[in-house]
Amino acid sequence: MTYWIRFVSSAALILLTACSGPSTSMFSLVEASIADIQAALLSGEVSCRDVVGGYLERIAIYDKSSGINAITQTNPNALARADEFDRAIGNGDSLPDLFCVPLLIKDNFDTHDMVTTGGSIALKDSLPPDDAFMVRKLREAGAIVLAKTNMAEWAFSPEQTVSSSYGRTANAYDISFVPAGSSGGTASGVATSMGVAGMGSDTGNSIRGPSSHLALFGIRSTIGLTSRDGVIPLIFDRDIAGPMARTVEDGTRLFNVVAGYDPADSLTVPGKREQNYMEFLNLDGLQGKRIGVLRALVDHDDADEEIKALFLRAVEDLVAAGATIVDPFEIQDFPALSEEIRGCASFRYDVGQYFKTLDDPPLLDVNELLERGQYAPESKRGFEFFSQYPLDISPADRDPPCPIWPNHPLRNQLLANTIAAMDSAQLDALIYPTWSNPPAHLDQAEAEYKGDNNQDLAPDTGLPAVTVAMGFWQDSLPAGLQFLGRPYAEGLLIELAYAYEQKTGHRRPPPGFGPVPK
């Protein structure tokens, strides 16, 4: 499928918030990469206004009419920012790394020029005083915040993406199915080329799950490498924010900008990022690597056989690309520790701290919303669970205390066991299906929720993990392959994912989102 950027009439400008006037540009926007766009801009084939206007047109034409409902709002300043880049290009000015890169930002990232609702109707008019750390870094690098995306309310659900602020998001490959949660809006929006790439957050699943369900690359970093400042929290010592993109290269371009120490985030650690993650985009990156198959996350009793077959084919592809596979690979006490480890259920406290960063917070305690019934029905269970924990006492100060990362004995034990097992087998990384089952039907999201492999190892240990497309279930719904590595091994994981992606080429766009009808 190909989408040709074209200008629309002045009347359509008002309707679509796109650009006006004729254009002879024939630049393909669907599946266009950052490098594609920037090369076309520098050659004069297309303007930044063309690019931004083209994406805005796609959002206006496709998002609601298709039934995916990925986009919550578009940025009224996006075209003006595009014009600034066109002037800079025309003047021959020095350009930042992400110049004219239109991004879709999950609605729990603070944006000073757009409301941030966290999926809650209670924050429908909440305008943060400044940008989240990652949003600021992206803008400084030249990216354009094109639009915000729908999410599961307060990021509660790994199963589906339903908010009380904007409704339900569907899977772009088949709107009868879920995009997982909670970053489903970013996933379906990026998959349909409504932006070149996007940002999501992942407490237990929410970057990697939606990326898997939408044939994207998604990265959950080591806890400590990236900042969550200005991202509405779910569980502070498990939350991670990061890129979601159609290609490993594009995701790496964003990650290269957002990774790093931030004094405003108490869990970030200085001096841990690589100087340049782009150096890990190595076509032969699998050659000589030792990779373990984590059978505990492969051989579920209810794992879908076709997904398992896709995974086994992926293992064969890794071998063909030069990797040595260690199968099976086991971590001492993994199932038992995973069962015993519990998060600190700090949502009420953590989001209360977030409210204090707003100039005029609409509320100070989310339990008010439970009392008023101001939430989507799908969120009730989450509200009831978190409501029992105190608002003004941090988990570490409770009686008994709940230890916070990195001072959590059971999580540290699982981390130590994982590293010891990897050392013993001399492994570079582990692999398993991102989900062992296909997406659930939209109307059976909870009943059919199974196969989510994202919850156990990476969030508990703080280890980094990435997902990349590994094929399609019944040739229609995407499935993902996950690589998990040692602390701060994001560069290596990027190398493995990139080499696998380039060798296999599983990514394909969803049907029905081709050229905008003329």
Protein backbone atom coordinates (compact mmCIF):
# COMPACT_ATOMS: atom_id res chain seq x y z
CA MET A 1 0.00 0.00 0.00
CA THR A 2 1.18 3.49 -0.80
CA TYR A 3 0.00 6.85 0.41
CA TRP A 4 0.99 9.92 -1.58
CA ILE A 5 1.25 13.17 0.34
CA ARG A 6 -0.91 15.79 -1.35
CA PHE A 7 -2.25 19.16 -0.35
CA VAL A 8 -5.98 19.63 0.18
CA SER A 9 -8.15 22.64 -0.55
CA SER A 10 -8.43 25.60 1.82
CA ALA A 11 -11.86 24.40 2.88
CA ALA A 12 -10.42 21.03 3.74
CA LEU A 13 -7.75 22.83 5.74
CA ILE A 14 -10.41 24.07 8.12
CA LEU A 15 -12.00 20.63 8.36
CA LEU A 16 -8.83 18.57 8.55
CA THR A 17 -6.33 20.99 10.12
CA ALA A 18 -4.05 20.01 7.26
CA CYS A 19 -2.37 22.25 4.72
CA SER A 20 -3.77 24.21 1.79
CA GLY A 21 -2.79 24.87 -1.80
CA PRO A 22 -1.64 22.60 -4.65
CA SER A 23 1.38 20.33 -4.47
CA THR A 24 3.22 18.24 -6.99
CA SER A 25 4.96 16.15 -4.35
CA MET A 26 4.66 12.40 -4.74
CA PHE A 27 6.38 11.33 -1.54
CA SER A 28 5.09 8.10 -0.02
CA LEU A 29 3.99 8.59 3.58
CA VAL A 30 2.72 5.14 4.56
CA GLU A 31 5.50 3.21 6.30
CA ALA A 32 7.90 6.10 5.67
CA SER A 33 10.85 6.08 8.04
CA ILE A 34 12.55 9.02 9.71
CA ALA A 35 15.43 8.68 7.25
CA ASP A 36 13.00 8.62 4.30
CA ILE A 37 11.29 11.80 5.46
CA GLN A 38 14.46 13.70 6.24
CA ALA A 39 16.10 12.73 2.92
CA ALA A 40 13.02 13.96 1.04
CA LEU A 41 13.04 17.21 3.01
CA LEU A 42 16.71 17.88 2.29
CA SER A 43 16.32 17.08 -1.41
CA GLY A 44 13.41 19.50 -1.73
CA GLU A 45 11.06 16.72 -2.77
CA VAL A 46 8.68 17.57 0.05
CA SER A 47 8.29 20.26 2.71
CA CYS A 48 7.85 19.75 6.44
CA ARG A 49 4.41 21.32 6.07
CA ASP A 50 3.61 18.63 3.49
CA VAL A 51 4.65 15.91 5.92
CA VAL A 52 2.79 17.26 8.95
CA GLY A 53 -0.26 18.17 6.89
CA GLY A 54 -0.29 14.72 5.34
CA TYR A 55 -0.30 12.99 8.71
CA LEU A 56 -3.01 15.32 10.00
CA GLU A 57 -5.10 14.48 6.97
CA ARG A 58 -4.67 10.77 7.57
CA ILE A 59 -5.79 11.21 11.17
CA ALA A 60 -8.86 13.20 10.12
CA ILE A 61 -9.87 10.76 7.38
CA TYR A 62 -9.04 7.41 8.97
CA ASP A 63 -8.93 7.45 12.75
CA LYS A 64 -12.59 7.65 13.72
CA SER A 65 -14.12 6.35 10.49
CA SER A 66 -12.07 3.15 10.62
CA GLY A 67 -13.15 2.41 14.17
CA ILE A 68 -9.65 2.29 15.67
CA ASN A 69 -10.01 5.54 17.68
CA ALA A 70 -6.28 5.87 18.34
CA ILE A 71 -5.94 9.66 18.41
CA THR A 72 -7.34 11.83 21.19
CA GLN A 73 -6.31 15.30 19.95
CA THR A 74 -4.03 16.88 17.39
CA ASN A 75 -1.56 19.63 18.19
CA PRO A 76 -2.73 23.05 16.95
CA ASN A 77 0.91 24.19 16.87
CA ALA A 78 2.19 21.38 14.67
CA LEU A 79 1.94 23.20 11.34
CA ALA A 80 3.56 26.34 12.69
CA ARG A 81 6.46 24.25 13.93
CA ALA A 82 6.68 22.61 10.50
CA ASP A 83 6.94 26.06 8.91
CA GLU A 84 9.88 26.86 11.19
CA PHE A 85 11.73 23.82 9.88
CA ASP A 86 10.94 24.72 6.27
CA ARG A 87 12.49 28.13 6.84
CA ALA A 88 15.53 26.56 8.52
CA ILE A 89 16.00 24.14 5.64
CA GLY A 90 15.60 26.94 3.12
CA ASN A 91 18.21 29.02 4.96
CA GLY A 92 20.66 26.15 5.12
CA ASP A 93 20.64 26.21 8.92
CA SER A 94 22.07 23.42 11.04
CA LEU A 95 19.33 20.90 11.79
CA PRO A 96 18.84 18.72 14.91
CA ASP A 97 18.76 14.93 14.72
CA LEU A 98 14.96 14.58 14.71
CA PHE A 99 14.09 17.62 12.59
CA CYS A 100 10.51 17.42 11.30
CA VAL A 101 9.73 14.04 12.87
CA PRO A 102 5.98 14.00 13.70
CA LEU A 103 5.31 11.87 16.78
CA LEU A 104 2.28 10.38 18.50
CA ILE A 105 2.51 10.77 22.28
CA LYS A 106 0.58 8.66 24.79
CA ASP A 107 -1.88 10.71 26.81
CA ASN A 108 -0.03 10.21 30.09
CA PHE A 109 3.01 12.26 28.96
CA ASP A 110 2.82 15.89 30.05
CA THR A 111 2.73 18.32 27.13
CA HIS A 112 2.71 22.04 27.91
CA ASP A 113 0.63 22.84 24.81
CA MET A 114 -1.95 20.04 24.98
CA VAL A 115 -4.06 18.57 27.78
CA THR A 116 -2.87 15.36 29.43
CA THR A 117 -5.70 13.19 30.73
CA GLY A 118 -4.08 9.88 31.62
CA GLY A 119 -7.23 8.36 30.14
CA SER A 120 -9.42 9.94 32.82
CA ILE A 121 -12.40 12.21 32.20
CA ALA A 122 -11.42 13.98 35.43
CA LEU A 123 -8.33 15.41 33.68
CA LYS A 124 -10.07 16.23 30.40
CA ASP A 125 -9.10 19.90 30.75
CA SER A 126 -5.80 19.46 32.61
CA LEU A 127 -3.00 21.43 30.94
CA PRO A 128 0.38 20.64 32.54
CA PRO A 129 2.77 23.53 33.24
CA ASP A 130 5.60 21.95 31.25
CA ASP A 131 6.68 18.96 29.17
CA ALA A 132 7.64 15.54 30.46
CA PHE A 133 11.41 15.03 30.39
CA MET A 134 11.21 12.78 27.32
CA VAL A 135 8.88 15.12 25.45
CA ARG A 136 11.22 18.02 26.13
CA LYS A 137 14.22 16.05 24.91
CA LEU A 138 12.37 15.01 21.75
CA ARG A 139 11.30 18.58 20.98
CA GLU A 140 14.84 19.84 21.59
CA ALA A 141 16.01 17.27 19.04
CA GLY A 142 13.56 18.61 16.47
CA ALA A 143 10.61 16.22 16.81
CA ILE A 144 7.11 17.63 16.39
CA VAL A 145 4.40 16.56 18.83
CA LEU A 146 1.74 15.82 16.25
CA ALA A 147 -0.99 14.29 18.42
CA LYS A 148 -1.81 12.57 21.69
CA THR A 149 -3.03 8.97 21.75
CA ASN A 150 -5.67 7.07 23.67
CA MET A 151 -4.73 4.79 26.53
CA ALA A 152 -6.25 2.50 29.12
CA GLU A 153 -7.57 4.69 31.91
CA TRP A 154 -4.73 5.46 34.37
CA ALA A 155 -2.78 2.71 32.51
CA PHE A 156 -4.61 0.10 34.62
CA SER A 157 -5.17 -2.51 31.91
CA PRO A 158 -2.69 -4.66 29.99
CA GLU A 159 -5.68 -6.31 28.33
CA GLN A 160 -7.30 -3.47 26.41
CA THR A 161 -7.25 0.28 25.78
CA VAL A 162 -10.38 1.98 27.13
CA SER A 163 -10.43 5.45 28.70
CA SER A 164 -13.21 7.45 30.28
CA SER A 165 -11.83 10.51 28.46
CA TYR A 166 -11.87 9.21 24.87
CA GLY A 167 -13.38 5.72 24.71
CA ARG A 168 -12.13 2.45 23.26
CA THR A 169 -9.25 1.83 20.84
CA ALA A 170 -9.24 -1.16 18.49
CA ASN A 171 -6.51 -3.15 16.79
CA ALA A 172 -5.75 -1.62 13.39
CA TYR A 173 -5.17 -5.05 11.81
CA ASP A 174 -8.72 -6.09 12.70
CA ILE A 175 -11.01 -3.84 14.71
CA SER A 176 -12.72 -6.90 16.19
CA PHE A 177 -9.63 -7.39 18.35
CA VAL A 178 -7.82 -5.46 21.09
CA PRO A 179 -4.49 -3.67 20.65
CA ALA A 180 -3.65 -4.75 24.24
CA GLY A 181 -3.12 -2.05 26.85
CA SER A 182 -2.35 0.45 27.95
CA SER A 183 -0.52 2.10 25.03
CA GLY A 184 -2.97 0.84 22.42
CA GLY A 185 -3.58 4.27 20.91
CA THR A 186 0.08 4.82 20.15
CA ALA A 187 0.34 1.29 18.74
CA SER A 188 -2.61 1.49 16.34
CA GLY A 189 -1.77 5.09 15.39
CA VAL A 190 1.84 4.31 14.51
CA ALA A 191 0.90 1.07 12.74
CA THR A 192 -1.43 2.99 10.41
CA SER A 193 1.12 5.73 9.66
CA MET A 194 -0.74 8.49 11.46
CA GLY A 195 2.69 9.56 12.72
CA VAL A 196 6.18 8.37 11.95
CA ALA A 197 6.66 6.85 15.44
CA GLY A 198 5.37 7.28 18.98
CA MET A 199 5.88 7.10 22.71
CA GLY A 200 4.32 4.75 25.24
CA SER A 201 4.77 3.64 28.84
CA ASP A 202 5.20 0.16 30.30
CA THR A 203 4.55 -0.80 33.91
CA GLY A 204 4.19 -4.49 33.14
CA ASN A 205 3.27 -4.79 29.48
CA SER A 206 2.16 -1.54 27.99
CA ILE A 207 4.92 -0.80 25.47
CA ARG A 208 5.79 -4.37 24.55
CA GLY A 209 2.26 -5.80 24.45
CA PRO A 210 0.68 -3.24 22.11
CA SER A 211 3.86 -3.23 20.00
CA SER A 212 3.59 -7.01 19.65
CA HIS A 213 -0.10 -6.81 18.73
CA LEU A 214 0.59 -4.14 16.07
CA ALA A 215 3.84 -5.46 14.48
CA LEU A 216 6.01 -2.70 15.99
CA PHE A 217 9.37 -2.42 17.70
CA GLY A 218 9.03 -1.42 21.34
CA ILE A 219 11.66 -1.01 24.03
CA ARG A 220 11.41 -1.17 27.81
CA SER A 221 14.70 0.06 29.23
CA THR A 222 16.57 -0.91 32.36
CA ILE A 223 15.05 0.78 35.40
CA GLY A 224 17.45 3.65 35.99
CA LEU A 225 18.40 4.43 32.40
CA THR A 226 15.40 6.55 31.43
CA SER A 227 13.34 9.24 33.13
CA ARG A 228 9.62 9.04 33.92
CA ASP A 229 9.42 12.66 35.06
CA GLY A 230 6.17 14.17 33.78
CA VAL A 231 4.59 10.81 32.93
CA ILE A 232 1.48 10.12 35.00
CA PRO A 233 2.52 7.15 37.18
CA LEU A 234 0.89 3.81 37.78
CA ILE A 235 3.54 2.17 40.01
CA PHE A 236 6.58 4.42 40.31
CA ASP A 237 9.25 1.77 40.81
CA ARG A 238 8.01 -0.30 37.86
CA ASP A 239 7.01 2.35 35.32
CA ILE A 240 9.14 2.83 32.19
CA ALA A 241 8.51 5.17 29.25
CA GLY A 242 9.90 4.72 25.76
CA PRO A 243 9.56 4.54 21.98
CA MET A 244 7.24 2.48 19.79
CA ALA A 245 8.05 2.46 16.09
CA ARG A 246 7.51 0.58 12.85
CA THR A 247 11.24 -0.12 12.55
CA VAL A 248 14.05 -0.81 14.98
CA GLU A 249 16.02 2.03 13.41
CA ASP A 250 13.30 4.60 14.06
CA GLY A 251 12.78 3.40 17.62
CA THR A 252 16.52 3.62 18.18
CA ARG A 253 16.63 7.19 16.84
CA LEU A 254 14.09 8.19 19.49
CA PHE A 255 15.74 6.15 22.22
CA ASN A 256 19.07 7.77 21.46
CA VAL A 257 17.49 11.11 22.36
CA VAL A 258 15.45 10.19 25.44
CA ALA A 259 17.80 7.81 27.30
CA GLY A 260 19.87 9.24 30.11
CA TYR A 261 20.04 10.60 33.62
CA ASP A 262 17.47 13.05 34.93
CA PRO A 263 17.85 14.52 38.43
CA ALA A 264 14.07 14.98 38.56
CA ASP A 265 13.65 11.19 38.53
CA SER A 266 15.06 9.69 41.73
CA LEU A 267 15.56 6.25 40.18
CA THR A 268 17.71 7.31 37.23
CA VAL A 269 21.43 6.56 37.45
CA PRO A 270 24.08 8.78 35.84
CA GLY A 271 26.69 7.49 33.44
CA LYS A 272 24.82 4.41 32.22
CA ARG A 273 23.75 5.26 28.68
CA GLU A 274 25.75 4.40 25.57
CA GLN A 275 27.26 7.34 23.76
CA ASN A 276 25.35 6.54 20.56
CA TYR A 277 22.78 3.76 20.30
CA MET A 278 22.67 4.18 16.52
CA GLU A 279 26.05 2.42 16.37
CA PHE A 280 24.28 -0.83 17.28
CA LEU A 281 22.29 -1.00 14.02
CA ASN A 282 24.39 -3.88 12.76
CA LEU A 283 23.09 -6.18 10.02
CA ASP A 284 25.34 -8.98 11.27
CA GLY A 285 24.47 -8.37 14.90
CA LEU A 286 23.34 -11.95 15.53
CA GLN A 287 26.59 -13.47 14.37
CA GLY A 288 28.30 -15.24 17.26
CA LYS A 289 25.70 -14.27 19.87
CA ARG A 290 24.52 -16.80 22.44
CA ILE A 291 20.79 -16.64 23.11
CA GLY A 292 18.79 -18.65 25.62
CA VAL A 293 15.22 -19.87 25.11
CA LEU A 294 13.34 -19.19 28.35
CA ARG A 295 11.07 -22.23 28.22
CA ALA A 296 9.08 -21.09 31.27
CA LEU A 297 7.62 -18.35 29.02
CA VAL A 298 7.26 -20.59 25.96
CA ASP A 299 5.61 -23.80 27.11
CA HIS A 300 2.45 -22.48 28.76
CA ASP A 301 -0.30 -25.08 29.01
CA ASP A 302 -2.68 -22.78 27.14
CA ALA A 303 -0.14 -21.29 24.71
CA ASP A 304 -1.48 -20.98 21.18
CA GLU A 305 0.15 -23.59 18.95
CA GLU A 306 0.41 -21.28 15.96
CA ILE A 307 2.14 -18.56 18.01
CA LYS A 308 4.50 -21.22 19.33
CA ALA A 309 5.22 -22.33 15.76
CA LEU A 310 6.03 -18.74 14.80
CA PHE A 311 8.42 -18.57 17.75
CA LEU A 312 10.16 -21.81 16.77
CA ARG A 313 10.57 -20.49 13.24
CA ALA A 314 12.08 -17.33 14.74
CA VAL A 315 14.59 -19.52 16.61
CA GLU A 316 15.54 -21.15 13.31
CA ASP A 317 15.97 -17.71 11.74
CA LEU A 318 18.27 -16.65 14.58
CA VAL A 319 20.42 -19.73 14.02
CA ALA A 320 20.53 -19.04 10.29
CA ALA A 321 21.74 -15.51 11.08
CA GLY A 322 24.66 -16.84 13.08
CA ALA A 323 23.36 -17.09 16.64
CA THR A 324 23.97 -20.01 18.98
CA ILE A 325 20.79 -21.08 20.75
CA VAL A 326 20.79 -22.52 24.27
CA ASP A 327 17.52 -24.42 24.69
CA PRO A 328 16.19 -24.90 27.26
CA PHE A 329 17.38 -22.13 29.55
CA GLU A 330 16.23 -21.99 33.15
CA ILE A 331 16.44 -19.41 35.94
CA GLN A 332 16.64 -20.79 39.46
CA ASP A 333 13.33 -20.37 41.33
CA PHE A 334 11.88 -18.24 38.52
CA PRO A 335 8.25 -19.44 38.78
CA ALA A 336 8.26 -19.40 42.58
CA LEU A 337 9.83 -15.95 42.87
CA SER A 338 7.52 -14.55 40.20
CA GLU A 339 4.56 -15.84 42.15
CA GLU A 340 5.85 -14.42 45.44
CA ILE A 341 6.91 -10.97 44.19
CA ARG A 342 4.25 -8.35 44.63
CA GLY A 343 4.28 -4.74 43.52
CA CYS A 344 3.80 -2.05 46.12
CA ALA A 345 0.41 -0.94 44.76
CA SER A 346 1.53 2.65 45.08
CA PHE A 347 -0.80 4.15 42.46
CA ARG A 348 -2.91 6.25 44.83
CA TYR A 349 0.19 7.70 46.49
CA ASP A 350 2.17 8.10 43.25
CA VAL A 351 -0.57 9.84 41.28
CA GLY A 352 -1.20 12.04 44.31
CA GLN A 353 2.40 13.20 44.00
CA TYR A 354 1.80 13.87 40.29
CA PHE A 355 -1.26 16.02 41.07
CA LYS A 356 0.98 18.26 43.16
CA THR A 357 3.00 19.12 40.02
CA LEU A 358 -0.04 20.69 38.35
CA ASP A 359 -0.75 24.40 38.77
CA ASP A 360 -4.47 23.81 39.26
CA PRO A 361 -5.11 20.09 39.86
CA PRO A 362 -8.75 19.08 39.40
CA LEU A 363 -8.42 16.72 42.38
CA LEU A 364 -5.83 15.55 44.89
CA ASP A 365 -7.00 12.00 45.58
CA VAL A 366 -8.13 9.53 42.90
CA ASN A 367 -10.42 7.86 45.42
CA GLU A 368 -12.76 10.79 44.84
CA LEU A 369 -13.36 9.37 41.35
CA LEU A 370 -14.25 5.98 42.78
CA GLU A 371 -16.76 7.60 45.11
CA ARG A 372 -18.29 9.62 42.25
CA GLY A 373 -18.27 6.73 39.78
CA GLN A 374 -16.19 8.88 37.43
CA TYR A 375 -14.38 6.15 35.54
CA ALA A 376 -14.85 3.70 32.69
CA PRO A 377 -16.52 0.45 33.80
CA GLU A 378 -13.42 -1.44 32.71
CA SER A 379 -11.40 0.47 35.32
CA LYS A 380 -13.54 -0.33 38.35
CA ARG A 381 -11.53 -3.35 39.42
CA GLY A 382 -8.28 -1.37 39.34
CA PHE A 383 -9.77 1.49 41.33
CA GLU A 384 -11.13 -0.84 43.98
CA PHE A 385 -7.77 -2.60 44.33
CA PHE A 386 -5.67 0.56 44.69
CA SER A 387 -8.19 2.45 46.85
CA GLN A 388 -7.29 0.45 49.97
CA TYR A 389 -3.76 1.86 50.10
CA PRO A 390 -2.93 5.19 51.78
CA LEU A 391 -2.71 8.51 49.94
CA ASP A 392 -0.09 10.30 52.02
CA ILE A 393 2.23 7.47 53.08
CA SER A 394 4.88 6.20 50.71
CA PRO A 395 5.10 2.39 50.39
CA ALA A 396 8.46 2.30 52.17
CA ASP A 397 6.91 4.06 55.19
CA ARG A 398 3.87 1.80 55.53
CA ASP A 399 3.42 -0.56 58.44
CA PRO A 400 4.66 -3.07 57.43
CA PRO A 401 6.78 -1.31 54.80
CA CYS A 402 6.69 -2.28 51.16
CA PRO A 403 10.27 -2.09 49.84
CA ILE A 404 10.84 0.09 46.80
CA TRP A 405 13.25 -0.70 43.99
CA PRO A 406 16.22 -1.04 44.15
CA ASN A 407 15.81 -2.16 47.78
CA HIS A 408 13.36 -5.01 47.21
CA PRO A 409 14.85 -8.33 48.43
CA LEU A 410 12.74 -10.68 46.30
CA ARG A 411 13.17 -8.64 43.13
CA ASN A 412 16.90 -8.44 43.80
CA GLN A 413 17.00 -12.20 44.30
CA LEU A 414 15.31 -12.83 40.96
CA LEU A 415 17.68 -10.37 39.29
CA ALA A 416 20.70 -12.11 40.84
CA ASN A 417 19.39 -15.55 39.80
CA THR A 418 18.80 -14.36 36.25
CA ILE A 419 22.28 -12.87 35.87
CA ALA A 420 23.87 -15.95 37.44
CA ALA A 421 22.06 -18.26 35.03
CA MET A 422 23.01 -16.11 32.06
CA ASP A 423 26.63 -16.05 33.23
CA SER A 424 26.69 -19.82 33.66
CA ALA A 425 25.39 -20.35 30.12
CA GLN A 426 27.49 -17.45 28.76
CA LEU A 427 24.40 -15.83 27.25
CA ASP A 428 24.02 -12.46 25.60
CA ALA A 429 20.22 -12.41 25.83
CA LEU A 430 17.05 -14.44 26.41
CA ILE A 431 14.11 -14.88 24.04
CA TYR A 432 10.44 -15.82 24.34
CA PRO A 433 7.17 -14.84 22.64
CA THR A 434 6.04 -11.38 23.71
CA TRP A 435 2.56 -12.89 23.99
CA SER A 436 1.95 -16.65 23.72
CA ASN A 437 -1.57 -16.07 22.43
CA PRO A 438 -3.18 -13.86 19.79
CA PRO A 439 -5.03 -10.64 20.69
CA ALA A 440 -8.37 -11.09 22.43
CA HIS A 441 -11.64 -10.19 20.78
CA LEU A 442 -12.67 -6.63 21.60
CA ASP A 443 -15.85 -7.72 23.40
CA GLN A 444 -14.03 -10.50 25.30
CA ALA A 445 -10.93 -8.60 26.36
CA GLU A 446 -10.90 -9.85 29.94
CA ALA A 447 -12.23 -13.35 29.32
CA GLU A 448 -9.69 -14.05 26.58
CA TYR A 449 -6.74 -12.40 28.32
CA LYS A 450 -3.94 -14.97 28.35
CA GLY A 451 -0.41 -15.42 27.13
CA ASP A 452 0.94 -12.06 28.35
CA ASN A 453 4.62 -12.84 28.97
CA ASN A 454 5.54 -9.26 29.80
CA GLN A 455 4.50 -9.17 33.43
CA ASP A 456 6.97 -11.51 35.10
CA LEU A 457 10.66 -11.04 34.35
CA ALA A 458 11.50 -7.56 33.05
CA PRO A 459 9.37 -5.49 35.48
CA ASP A 460 10.38 -7.62 38.48
CA THR A 461 14.12 -7.56 37.76
CA GLY A 462 14.36 -4.11 36.18
CA LEU A 463 16.05 -5.70 33.15
CA PRO A 464 15.68 -4.27 29.63
CA ALA A 465 13.58 -5.96 26.96
CA VAL A 466 12.57 -5.25 23.38
CA THR A 467 9.93 -6.71 21.09
CA VAL A 468 9.98 -6.98 17.31
CA ALA A 469 7.55 -8.47 14.78
CA MET A 470 7.98 -12.24 14.26
CA GLY A 471 5.02 -12.96 11.97
CA PHE A 472 1.24 -13.09 11.82
CA TRP A 473 -1.23 -15.41 13.51
CA GLN A 474 -3.55 -16.84 10.84
CA ASP A 475 -1.76 -14.46 8.47
CA SER A 476 -3.74 -11.55 9.93
CA LEU A 477 -2.86 -10.59 13.52
CA PRO A 478 0.74 -9.75 14.51
CA ALA A 479 2.88 -11.63 17.00
CA GLY A 480 6.11 -10.44 18.62
CA LEU A 481 9.50 -11.87 19.57
CA GLN A 482 11.01 -10.56 22.80
CA PHE A 483 14.71 -10.21 23.64
CA LEU A 484 15.69 -9.61 27.28
CA GLY A 485 19.19 -8.63 28.34
CA ARG A 486 21.48 -7.74 31.21
CA PRO A 487 21.32 -4.38 33.00
CA TYR A 488 21.94 -1.48 30.64
CA ALA A 489 22.37 -3.81 27.64
CA GLU A 490 19.94 -1.81 25.49
CA GLY A 491 22.55 -1.40 22.76
CA LEU A 492 23.00 -5.15 22.46
CA LEU A 493 19.23 -5.74 22.41
CA ILE A 494 18.87 -3.15 19.65
CA GLU A 495 21.62 -4.95 17.72
CA LEU A 496 19.87 -8.32 18.02
CA ALA A 497 16.42 -6.97 17.18
CA TYR A 498 17.71 -4.98 14.21
CA ALA A 499 19.58 -7.93 12.72
CA TYR A 500 16.54 -10.19 13.17
CA GLU A 501 14.18 -7.58 11.70
CA GLN A 502 16.39 -7.02 8.67
CA LYS A 503 16.89 -10.75 8.05
CA THR A 504 13.19 -11.63 8.29
CA GLY A 505 11.19 -8.54 7.25
CA HIS A 506 7.98 -9.55 9.01
CA ARG A 507 6.56 -6.04 9.37
CA ARG A 508 3.69 -5.15 7.04
CA PRO A 509 1.08 -2.39 7.36
CA PRO A 510 -2.53 -3.12 8.31
CA PRO A 511 -5.03 -3.27 5.43
CA GLY A 512 -7.40 -0.42 4.74
CA PHE A 513 -5.11 2.50 5.51
CA GLY A 514 -3.67 3.22 2.10
CA PRO A 515 -4.06 6.41 0.05
CA VAL A 516 -6.52 8.95 1.39
CA PRO A 517 -9.48 8.92 -1.02
CA LYS A 518 -9.38 11.83 -3.45
